Amino acid sequence: MIESNKISEIKDKDTETDDQGILTGVRNLTPERIENVIGQVLGDETGARLKVYVDTCVHCGMCSDGCHFFLSKDRNPRYSPAGKVKQTMWEIIRKNGRVSPDFIKSAAVVAYTQCNLCKRCAMYCPFGIDIAYVMSVMRRICHKLEVVPLYIQDTANSHSVSMNQMWVKDDEWVDTLMWQEEEAQEAIENLRIPLDKEGADIFYSVIGPEPKFRAQLIYQAAVIMNAAGENWTMPSMPGWDNSDMCMYTGDYEMMERLKRSHFECATKLRAKKIVMGECGHAFRSVYDMGNRALGWRMPPIEVIHSIEYFSDLLDGNRLKLKKKFERPVTLHDPCNVIRGRGLHEMSRNIVRNTCETFIEMTPNREHNYCCSAGGGVINCGPPFKNARVESGRIKAEQLLAAKAQGAEVVISPCHNCHGGLEDTIHHYNIGMDLKFFGDIIYEIMELPGQQ
């Protein structure tokens, strides 16, 4: 049983912060503004769903073992999912929204940096309560009060102005695609990255950091698409970035605008299907949240993740493999495409088709531990990095156990997972390499013209 008196006091070292986004926002708060915003969000935006969750919870604490924060923090009850809700939303409801600016400051730290919204805890709750939703409501309140960590808010601001989170200018985006096309032509002479091709079977979209930091993934995707004989395109216009930190700050109005831009970009080109690069949160934003915020039960155009695309390619023998990847691998299951979309067996299908030796993590599939980076937590930046990496201790132990069985490479088909796992591997001196599925496939595939 999670006892209220043990965790109701939230003003302590675990929620103190020097983040200027949070501190500046808190200085502009008044009790009246806080009460009005809370009343508006709870009264106009949440409805029966939040009430059912709050009324149903019996405070049993069974969600605790589902949370990597709780497990990594020596089972401290304040880091249990129920404990985090008690420190935030339940206190707000108990006080009818009459909480202090200092409370909002502490609640923002909990909501944005101590919960990855990974939904693993919902699998342990006997009633299936979605605590990630409750924490998202808390983030929504903080957004409307303008109390948001600086780094993730800067990313959201960039996306709102430039329609991509990395402030990549339109000409820089096109230049990057042309550069990657030239690089790929060293492997396949006549390869093209078709821009703005109308009526293509595939509209390929990526997240903002790819052209900025991981441009080789665009190159690899172009080679794979070409080798598979795809009729595909990428857009030159805004809307190419499928990522969405606004979804995680609680700025749902901006999230709607970004998703509409992404879908309109694809429909303007009359593409038949969107294939998304290897990112989990971006997939969640177009498949689960952004489309619903726009009032669509499902997206107006078919959307699939790279896991689905690669699995279909391999099952259809549309790629020739010259060998299998020889180093022993293990597989990280990203929350948003595994618990959120159920692609765990497709992921393993790719591994079986491409790798000689596969060593499962334990636990795995929908029970796998979160990378500690998703849900916008890694995007909250350096002020919270050490705490984030410490919250991944249970993930480090999981990786070390796989390494002890012989695994040398971790495959993770998600950008934020890569960022989090890189930090974890470095911090805990684990000594494993990280790869995307695209990395593996590109390395072992036979290129057109090769003998």
Protein backbone atom coordinates (compact mmCIF):
# COMPACT_ATOMS: atom_id res chain seq x y z
CA MET A 1 0.00 0.00 0.00
CA ILE A 2 1.32 3.47 -0.97
CA GLU A 3 0.78 5.66 2.09
CA SER A 4 -0.03 9.31 1.43
CA ASN A 5 1.81 10.69 4.45
CA LYS A 6 5.11 9.23 3.25
CA ILE A 7 5.16 10.99 -0.10
CA SER A 8 2.73 13.91 0.07
CA GLU A 9 5.49 16.39 0.93
CA ILE A 10 7.22 17.00 -2.37
CA LYS A 11 9.51 19.94 -1.60
CA ASP A 12 12.87 18.17 -1.27
CA LYS A 13 16.11 17.64 -3.17
CA ASP A 14 14.49 15.32 -5.70
CA THR A 15 12.30 18.09 -7.10
CA GLU A 16 14.59 21.08 -6.63
CA THR A 17 15.85 22.45 -9.93
CA ASP A 18 17.92 25.19 -11.50
CA ASP A 19 16.18 24.85 -14.86
CA GLN A 20 15.48 28.38 -16.07
CA GLY A 21 12.40 27.41 -18.04
CA ILE A 22 10.71 26.12 -14.91
CA LEU A 23 11.99 28.83 -12.56
CA THR A 24 11.10 31.72 -14.88
CA GLY A 25 7.63 30.32 -15.40
CA VAL A 26 7.05 29.87 -11.67
CA ARG A 27 8.01 33.49 -10.93
CA ASN A 28 5.10 34.64 -13.11
CA LEU A 29 2.47 32.52 -11.36
CA THR A 30 -0.23 33.64 -8.99
CA PRO A 31 -2.59 31.39 -7.01
CA GLU A 32 -5.52 32.74 -9.02
CA ARG A 33 -3.93 31.93 -12.37
CA ILE A 34 -3.02 28.43 -11.22
CA GLU A 35 -6.56 27.72 -10.03
CA ASN A 36 -8.10 29.09 -13.24
CA VAL A 37 -5.84 27.02 -15.54
CA ILE A 38 -6.36 23.85 -13.53
CA GLY A 39 -10.12 24.40 -13.59
CA GLN A 40 -10.09 24.92 -17.34
CA VAL A 41 -7.99 21.79 -18.08
CA LEU A 42 -9.83 19.51 -15.68
CA GLY A 43 -13.25 20.92 -16.50
CA ASP A 44 -13.03 21.27 -20.27
CA GLU A 45 -10.37 18.82 -21.47
CA THR A 46 -10.28 15.67 -19.35
CA GLY A 47 -13.82 14.47 -18.82
CA ALA A 48 -14.73 11.03 -17.54
CA ARG A 49 -11.42 9.35 -18.31
CA LEU A 50 -9.43 11.14 -15.61
CA LYS A 51 -12.26 10.83 -13.09
CA VAL A 52 -12.53 7.08 -13.65
CA TYR A 53 -8.79 6.62 -13.19
CA VAL A 54 -8.68 8.70 -10.02
CA ASP A 55 -11.79 7.11 -8.53
CA THR A 56 -10.73 3.56 -9.47
CA CYS A 57 -7.22 3.59 -8.03
CA VAL A 58 -7.11 1.79 -4.68
CA HIS A 59 -3.53 2.90 -3.92
CA CYS A 60 -2.30 -0.68 -3.85
CA GLY A 61 1.13 0.12 -5.30
CA MET A 62 1.15 -2.85 -7.68
CA CYS A 63 2.18 -0.46 -10.46
CA SER A 64 5.51 0.12 -8.69
CA ASP A 65 7.40 -2.82 -10.16
CA GLY A 66 6.43 -1.63 -13.62
CA CYS A 67 8.48 1.56 -13.23
CA HIS A 68 12.21 1.68 -13.98
CA PHE A 69 12.54 4.84 -11.86
CA PHE A 70 11.22 2.97 -8.82
CA LEU A 71 13.42 -0.06 -9.48
CA SER A 72 16.53 2.03 -10.18
CA LYS A 73 16.01 4.28 -7.15
CA ASP A 74 16.15 1.48 -4.54
CA ARG A 75 12.38 1.07 -4.55
CA ASN A 76 11.79 4.53 -3.13
CA PRO A 77 7.98 4.91 -3.04
CA ARG A 78 8.09 8.52 -4.25
CA TYR A 79 9.27 7.18 -7.64
CA SER A 80 6.47 4.63 -7.97
CA PRO A 81 3.83 5.56 -10.55
CA ALA A 82 1.17 5.94 -7.87
CA GLY A 83 3.62 7.96 -5.79
CA LYS A 84 4.25 10.36 -8.66
CA VAL A 85 0.53 10.84 -9.21
CA LYS A 86 0.05 11.44 -5.48
CA GLN A 87 2.67 14.19 -5.62
CA THR A 88 0.95 15.87 -8.54
CA MET A 89 -2.58 15.23 -9.81
CA TRP A 90 -4.11 13.75 -6.67
CA GLU A 91 -2.89 16.69 -4.62
CA ILE A 92 -4.38 19.09 -7.17
CA ILE A 93 -7.74 17.29 -7.03
CA ARG A 94 -7.64 17.07 -3.23
CA LYS A 95 -7.12 20.84 -2.98
CA ASN A 96 -9.54 21.72 -5.80
CA GLY A 97 -6.73 23.36 -7.76
CA ARG A 98 -5.69 25.65 -4.91
CA VAL A 99 -1.99 24.87 -4.99
CA SER A 100 1.04 27.14 -4.77
CA PRO A 101 3.60 28.19 -7.41
CA ASP A 102 6.16 26.15 -5.49
CA PHE A 103 3.94 23.10 -5.83
CA ILE A 104 3.72 23.62 -9.60
CA LYS A 105 7.51 23.87 -9.78
CA SER A 106 7.94 20.52 -8.04
CA ALA A 107 5.10 18.92 -10.00
CA ALA A 108 6.72 20.01 -13.27
CA VAL A 109 9.97 18.29 -12.32
CA VAL A 110 8.08 15.09 -11.52
CA ALA A 111 5.88 15.15 -14.63
CA TYR A 112 8.54 16.08 -17.17
CA THR A 113 11.66 14.39 -15.83
CA GLN A 114 10.62 11.50 -13.56
CA CYS A 115 8.16 9.77 -15.89
CA ASN A 116 8.85 8.62 -19.45
CA LEU A 117 5.15 8.06 -20.21
CA CYS A 118 6.21 4.55 -21.21
CA LYS A 119 2.96 2.91 -20.01
CA ARG A 120 4.71 -0.13 -18.57
CA CYS A 121 3.03 0.55 -15.23
CA ALA A 122 -0.42 0.17 -16.83
CA MET A 123 0.42 -3.50 -17.45
CA TYR A 124 0.93 -4.03 -13.71
CA CYS A 125 -2.15 -2.13 -12.53
CA PRO A 126 -4.98 -4.60 -11.76
CA PHE A 127 -7.44 -2.09 -13.27
CA GLY A 128 -5.31 -1.04 -16.25
CA ILE A 129 -5.11 2.60 -15.18
CA ASP A 130 -3.09 4.61 -17.70
CA ILE A 131 -0.86 6.67 -15.45
CA ALA A 132 0.96 8.05 -18.49
CA TYR A 133 -2.29 9.80 -19.39
CA VAL A 134 -2.58 11.26 -15.90
CA MET A 135 0.99 12.57 -16.06
CA SER A 136 0.28 13.98 -19.52
CA VAL A 137 -2.61 15.96 -18.04
CA MET A 138 -0.16 17.32 -15.45
CA ARG A 139 2.18 18.36 -18.27
CA ARG A 140 -0.76 20.00 -20.05
CA ILE A 141 -1.43 22.11 -16.95
CA CYS A 142 2.25 23.05 -16.70
CA HIS A 143 2.34 24.01 -20.38
CA LYS A 144 -0.65 26.31 -20.02
CA LEU A 145 1.03 27.85 -16.96
CA GLU A 146 4.26 28.24 -18.99
CA VAL A 147 6.26 26.14 -16.53
CA VAL A 148 8.20 23.83 -18.86
CA PRO A 149 11.88 22.75 -18.84
CA LEU A 150 13.88 25.13 -21.01
CA TYR A 151 15.49 22.68 -23.44
CA ILE A 152 12.34 20.84 -24.46
CA GLN A 153 10.45 24.13 -24.75
CA ASP A 154 13.18 25.48 -27.04
CA THR A 155 12.74 22.39 -29.22
CA ALA A 156 8.98 22.93 -29.34
CA ASN A 157 9.52 26.61 -30.21
CA SER A 158 11.85 25.65 -33.06
CA HIS A 159 9.25 23.27 -34.45
CA SER A 160 6.52 25.91 -34.24
CA VAL A 161 8.60 28.45 -36.19
CA SER A 162 10.48 26.33 -38.75
CA MET A 163 8.20 23.26 -38.87
CA ASN A 164 11.12 21.07 -37.78
CA GLN A 165 12.58 20.68 -34.34
CA MET A 166 16.22 21.36 -35.32
CA TRP A 167 15.62 24.71 -37.09
CA VAL A 168 16.84 23.23 -40.40
CA LYS A 169 16.18 25.78 -43.13
CA ASP A 170 14.35 24.69 -46.27
CA ASP A 171 17.44 24.99 -48.46
CA GLU A 172 19.57 23.16 -45.89
CA TRP A 173 17.10 20.27 -45.92
CA VAL A 174 17.23 19.95 -49.70
CA ASP A 175 21.04 20.32 -49.67
CA THR A 176 21.26 17.47 -47.16
CA LEU A 177 19.15 15.19 -49.35
CA MET A 178 21.27 16.02 -52.39
CA TRP A 179 24.43 15.38 -50.37
CA GLN A 180 23.13 12.00 -49.22
CA GLU A 181 22.09 11.17 -52.77
CA GLU A 182 25.66 11.84 -53.95
CA GLU A 183 27.04 9.69 -51.12
CA ALA A 184 24.69 6.84 -52.03
CA GLN A 185 25.66 7.06 -55.70
CA GLU A 186 29.11 5.81 -54.71
CA ALA A 187 27.40 2.51 -53.91
CA ILE A 188 24.67 2.58 -56.60
CA GLU A 189 25.59 4.73 -59.58
CA ASN A 190 22.12 5.73 -60.75
CA LEU A 191 20.51 6.09 -57.32
CA ARG A 192 18.21 9.05 -56.76
CA ILE A 193 16.37 10.43 -53.77
CA PRO A 194 13.21 11.53 -55.60
CA LEU A 195 11.92 14.88 -54.32
CA ASP A 196 8.24 15.81 -54.47
CA LYS A 197 7.35 12.92 -56.78
CA GLU A 198 3.58 12.82 -57.16
CA GLY A 199 1.73 9.52 -56.84
CA ALA A 200 4.62 7.61 -55.24
CA ASP A 201 3.83 4.42 -53.37
CA ILE A 202 5.92 5.55 -50.38
CA PHE A 203 6.34 8.93 -48.74
CA TYR A 204 9.42 8.54 -46.51
CA SER A 205 9.62 10.81 -43.47
CA VAL A 206 12.25 11.25 -40.77
CA ILE A 207 12.76 13.18 -37.56
CA GLY A 208 14.57 16.53 -37.39
CA PRO A 209 17.84 15.22 -35.89
CA GLU A 210 18.47 12.93 -38.89
CA PRO A 211 19.63 15.64 -41.31
CA LYS A 212 21.41 17.36 -38.43
CA PHE A 213 23.21 14.49 -36.70
CA ARG A 214 22.43 11.14 -38.38
CA ALA A 215 22.33 11.92 -42.08
CA GLN A 216 23.80 8.49 -42.84
CA LEU A 217 20.41 6.99 -41.99
CA ILE A 218 18.87 8.88 -44.92
CA TYR A 219 21.65 7.53 -47.13
CA GLN A 220 21.02 3.97 -45.94
CA ALA A 221 17.26 4.29 -46.42
CA ALA A 222 17.81 5.54 -49.97
CA VAL A 223 20.00 2.54 -50.78
CA ILE A 224 17.45 0.12 -49.28
CA MET A 225 14.54 1.73 -51.13
CA ASN A 226 16.49 1.66 -54.40
CA ALA A 227 17.59 -1.96 -53.98
CA ALA A 228 13.98 -2.97 -53.25
CA GLY A 229 12.81 -1.23 -56.43
CA GLU A 230 10.45 1.09 -54.58
CA ASN A 231 8.45 3.91 -56.13
CA TRP A 232 9.14 6.43 -53.37
CA THR A 233 9.67 10.09 -52.58
CA MET A 234 10.75 12.54 -49.93
CA PRO A 235 9.33 16.07 -49.68
CA SER A 236 11.29 19.26 -50.17
CA MET A 237 8.56 21.27 -48.45
CA PRO A 238 7.94 21.75 -44.70
CA GLY A 239 6.19 18.76 -43.15
CA TRP A 240 9.08 16.33 -43.64
CA ASP A 241 9.87 16.25 -39.90
CA ASN A 242 7.59 13.70 -38.24
CA SER A 243 8.88 14.30 -34.69
CA ASP A 244 6.85 16.14 -32.07
CA MET A 245 8.12 17.43 -28.73
CA CYS A 246 4.99 19.59 -28.50
CA MET A 247 3.14 16.35 -27.78
CA TYR A 248 5.34 15.95 -24.73
CA THR A 249 5.32 19.54 -23.49
CA GLY A 250 1.52 19.50 -23.46
CA ASP A 251 1.14 21.99 -26.32
CA TYR A 252 -1.61 20.08 -28.09
CA GLU A 253 -2.60 23.02 -30.29
CA MET A 254 0.89 23.02 -31.82
CA MET A 255 0.89 19.22 -32.00
CA GLU A 256 -2.26 19.41 -34.13
CA ARG A 257 -0.65 21.94 -36.45
CA LEU A 258 2.48 19.83 -36.88
CA LYS A 259 0.59 16.64 -37.60
CA ARG A 260 -1.70 18.37 -40.06
CA SER A 261 1.38 19.70 -41.87
CA HIS A 262 2.88 16.20 -42.02
CA PHE A 263 -0.28 14.58 -43.38
CA GLU A 264 -0.97 17.42 -45.82
CA CYS A 265 2.59 17.17 -47.14
CA ALA A 266 2.01 13.50 -47.98
CA THR A 267 -1.47 14.00 -49.40
CA LYS A 268 -0.38 16.93 -51.59
CA LEU A 269 2.01 14.52 -53.26
CA ARG A 270 -0.79 11.92 -53.51
CA ALA A 271 1.40 9.34 -51.81
CA LYS A 272 -0.19 5.99 -51.05
CA LYS A 273 1.57 5.33 -47.77
CA ILE A 274 3.85 7.03 -45.20
CA VAL A 275 6.85 5.01 -44.08
CA MET A 276 8.41 6.53 -40.99
CA GLY A 277 12.05 6.26 -40.03
CA GLU A 278 13.16 4.42 -36.89
CA CYS A 279 11.64 6.64 -34.23
CA GLY A 280 9.16 5.71 -31.53
CA HIS A 281 7.74 9.00 -30.28
CA ALA A 282 7.22 10.29 -33.82
CA PHE A 283 5.18 7.20 -34.63
CA ARG A 284 3.12 7.73 -31.49
CA SER A 285 2.47 11.33 -32.52
CA VAL A 286 1.06 10.49 -35.97
CA TYR A 287 -0.59 7.17 -35.16
CA ASP A 288 -1.99 7.64 -31.69
CA MET A 289 -2.18 11.27 -30.53
CA GLY A 290 -1.85 13.81 -33.32
CA ASN A 291 -4.48 12.23 -35.54
CA ARG A 292 -6.94 11.99 -32.65
CA ALA A 293 -6.26 15.58 -31.63
CA LEU A 294 -7.25 16.50 -35.17
CA GLY A 295 -10.47 14.54 -34.78
CA TRP A 296 -9.43 11.56 -36.89
CA ARG A 297 -9.89 8.09 -35.49
CA MET A 298 -7.08 6.94 -37.77
CA PRO A 299 -4.68 8.89 -40.01
CA PRO A 300 -6.06 9.94 -43.44
CA ILE A 301 -3.25 8.03 -45.13
CA GLU A 302 -1.74 4.68 -44.14
CA VAL A 303 1.23 5.08 -41.79
CA ILE A 304 3.73 2.35 -40.97
CA HIS A 305 6.92 2.25 -38.95
CA SER A 306 10.25 1.13 -40.41
CA ILE A 307 9.93 -2.10 -38.41
CA GLU A 308 6.82 -3.00 -40.43
CA TYR A 309 8.44 -1.93 -43.67
CA PHE A 310 11.69 -3.86 -43.15
CA SER A 311 9.84 -6.97 -41.99
CA ASP A 312 7.68 -6.95 -45.12
CA LEU A 313 10.72 -6.43 -47.36
CA LEU A 314 12.52 -9.40 -45.86
CA ASP A 315 9.46 -11.66 -45.89
CA GLY A 316 8.93 -10.84 -49.54
CA ASN A 317 12.56 -11.54 -50.42
CA ARG A 318 12.78 -8.09 -51.95
CA LEU A 319 16.30 -7.58 -50.63
CA LYS A 320 19.21 -9.88 -51.38
CA LEU A 321 21.40 -10.52 -48.36
CA LYS A 322 25.00 -11.53 -48.98
CA LYS A 323 25.43 -12.81 -45.43
CA LYS A 324 24.00 -12.52 -41.94
CA PHE A 325 25.30 -10.08 -39.35
CA GLU A 326 27.86 -12.12 -37.47
CA ARG A 327 28.26 -10.38 -34.09
CA PRO A 328 25.84 -11.55 -31.37
CA VAL A 329 23.00 -9.07 -30.89
CA THR A 330 20.32 -8.28 -28.37
CA LEU A 331 17.17 -6.26 -29.01
CA HIS A 332 15.75 -3.28 -27.15
CA ASP A 333 11.96 -2.96 -27.48
CA PRO A 334 11.01 0.74 -27.74
CA CYS A 335 7.92 1.60 -25.73
CA ASN A 336 5.99 3.50 -28.39
CA VAL A 337 6.18 0.87 -31.12
CA ILE A 338 6.04 -2.23 -28.91
CA ARG A 339 3.60 -1.49 -26.09
CA GLY A 340 2.08 1.23 -28.28
CA ARG A 341 1.78 -0.69 -31.55
CA GLY A 342 2.60 -4.34 -30.92
CA LEU A 343 5.52 -4.68 -33.33
CA HIS A 344 7.58 -6.99 -31.10
CA GLU A 345 7.29 -10.08 -33.30
CA MET A 346 8.00 -8.11 -36.46
CA SER A 347 11.16 -6.82 -34.79
CA ARG A 348 12.24 -10.36 -34.02
CA ASN A 349 11.40 -11.40 -37.55
CA ILE A 350 13.92 -8.83 -38.80
CA VAL A 351 16.55 -10.07 -36.33
CA ARG A 352 16.04 -13.71 -37.31
CA ASN A 353 16.38 -12.82 -40.99
CA THR A 354 19.49 -10.69 -40.60
CA CYS A 355 21.53 -11.87 -37.60
CA GLU A 356 23.43 -15.07 -36.83
CA THR A 357 23.09 -14.98 -33.04
CA PHE A 358 20.22 -13.38 -31.13
CA ILE A 359 20.24 -13.13 -27.33
CA GLU A 360 17.00 -11.94 -25.76
CA MET A 361 17.00 -9.39 -22.99
CA THR A 362 15.03 -10.33 -19.91
CA PRO A 363 12.33 -9.12 -19.61
CA ASN A 364 11.47 -8.49 -23.26
CA ARG A 365 8.75 -7.56 -25.74
CA GLU A 366 6.02 -5.47 -24.07
CA HIS A 367 7.60 -6.10 -20.67
CA ASN A 368 10.98 -4.63 -21.63
CA TYR A 369 12.33 -1.78 -19.50
CA CYS A 370 12.15 1.73 -20.91
CA CYS A 371 15.40 3.31 -22.12
CA SER A 372 14.86 6.19 -19.62
CA ALA A 373 15.07 8.75 -22.44
CA GLY A 374 11.65 8.70 -24.09
CA GLY A 375 8.57 10.71 -23.30
CA GLY A 376 10.57 13.90 -23.82
CA VAL A 377 12.76 13.27 -20.76
CA ILE A 378 16.05 13.29 -22.69
CA ASN A 379 14.90 16.49 -24.40
CA CYS A 380 14.71 18.25 -21.05
CA GLY A 381 18.45 18.58 -21.40
CA PRO A 382 21.62 18.73 -19.28
CA PRO A 383 20.01 19.98 -16.04
CA PHE A 384 18.38 16.57 -15.67
CA LYS A 385 20.91 14.29 -17.40
CA ASN A 386 22.52 12.78 -14.30
CA ALA A 387 19.17 11.99 -12.70
CA ARG A 388 17.97 10.49 -15.98
CA VAL A 389 20.97 8.19 -16.32
CA GLU A 390 20.68 7.11 -12.69
CA SER A 391 17.05 6.20 -13.35
CA GLY A 392 18.31 3.81 -16.02
CA ARG A 393 20.27 1.61 -13.63
CA ILE A 394 17.82 -1.26 -14.04
CA LYS A 395 18.25 -0.95 -17.82
CA ALA A 396 22.03 -1.07 -17.37
CA GLU A 397 21.69 -4.26 -15.35
CA GLN A 398 19.52 -5.72 -18.11
CA LEU A 399 22.12 -4.86 -20.75
CA LEU A 400 24.93 -6.29 -18.64
CA ALA A 401 22.99 -9.55 -18.24
CA ALA A 402 22.62 -9.81 -22.03
CA LYS A 403 26.31 -9.03 -22.44
CA ALA A 404 27.19 -11.79 -19.97
CA GLN A 405 25.39 -14.21 -22.30
CA GLY A 406 27.52 -13.03 -25.20
CA ALA A 407 25.66 -10.08 -26.74
CA GLU A 408 27.95 -7.46 -28.24
CA VAL A 409 25.50 -5.24 -30.12
CA VAL A 410 22.22 -3.66 -29.01
CA ILE A 411 19.69 -3.09 -31.78
CA SER A 412 17.22 -0.31 -31.05
CA PRO A 413 14.84 0.96 -33.76
CA CYS A 414 14.25 4.34 -32.10
CA HIS A 415 16.20 7.61 -31.99
CA ASN A 416 15.47 8.64 -28.41
CA CYS A 417 16.22 5.11 -27.25
CA HIS A 418 19.60 5.39 -28.96
CA GLY A 419 20.31 8.62 -27.12
CA GLY A 420 19.30 7.15 -23.77
CA LEU A 421 21.06 3.84 -24.29
CA GLU A 422 24.25 5.62 -25.43
CA ASP A 423 24.29 7.56 -22.16
CA THR A 424 23.56 4.43 -20.13
CA ILE A 425 26.23 2.34 -21.86
CA HIS A 426 28.79 5.09 -21.35
CA HIS A 427 27.87 5.89 -17.75
CA TYR A 428 27.90 2.29 -16.57
CA ASN A 429 30.90 1.26 -18.72
CA ILE A 430 28.91 -1.50 -20.39
CA GLY A 431 30.98 -1.63 -23.58
CA MET A 432 28.31 -2.57 -26.13
CA ASP A 433 27.66 -1.11 -29.59
CA LEU A 434 24.34 0.34 -30.71
CA LYS A 435 22.72 -0.04 -34.11
CA PHE A 436 19.46 0.66 -35.91
CA PHE A 437 17.83 -2.00 -38.07
CA GLY A 438 18.82 0.11 -41.07
CA ASP A 439 22.47 -0.13 -40.02
CA ILE A 440 22.28 -3.92 -39.91
CA ILE A 441 20.40 -4.32 -43.19
CA TYR A 442 22.67 -1.93 -45.07
CA GLU A 443 25.79 -3.71 -43.83
CA ILE A 444 24.69 -7.17 -44.97
CA MET A 445 22.61 -6.49 -48.08
CA GLU A 446 23.77 -7.12 -51.60
CA LEU A 447 23.79 -3.91 -53.60
CA PRO A 448 22.49 -3.86 -57.19
CA GLY A 449 25.31 -4.79 -59.53
CA GLN A 450 27.30 -6.63 -56.87
CA GLN A 451 28.36 -10.21 -57.54
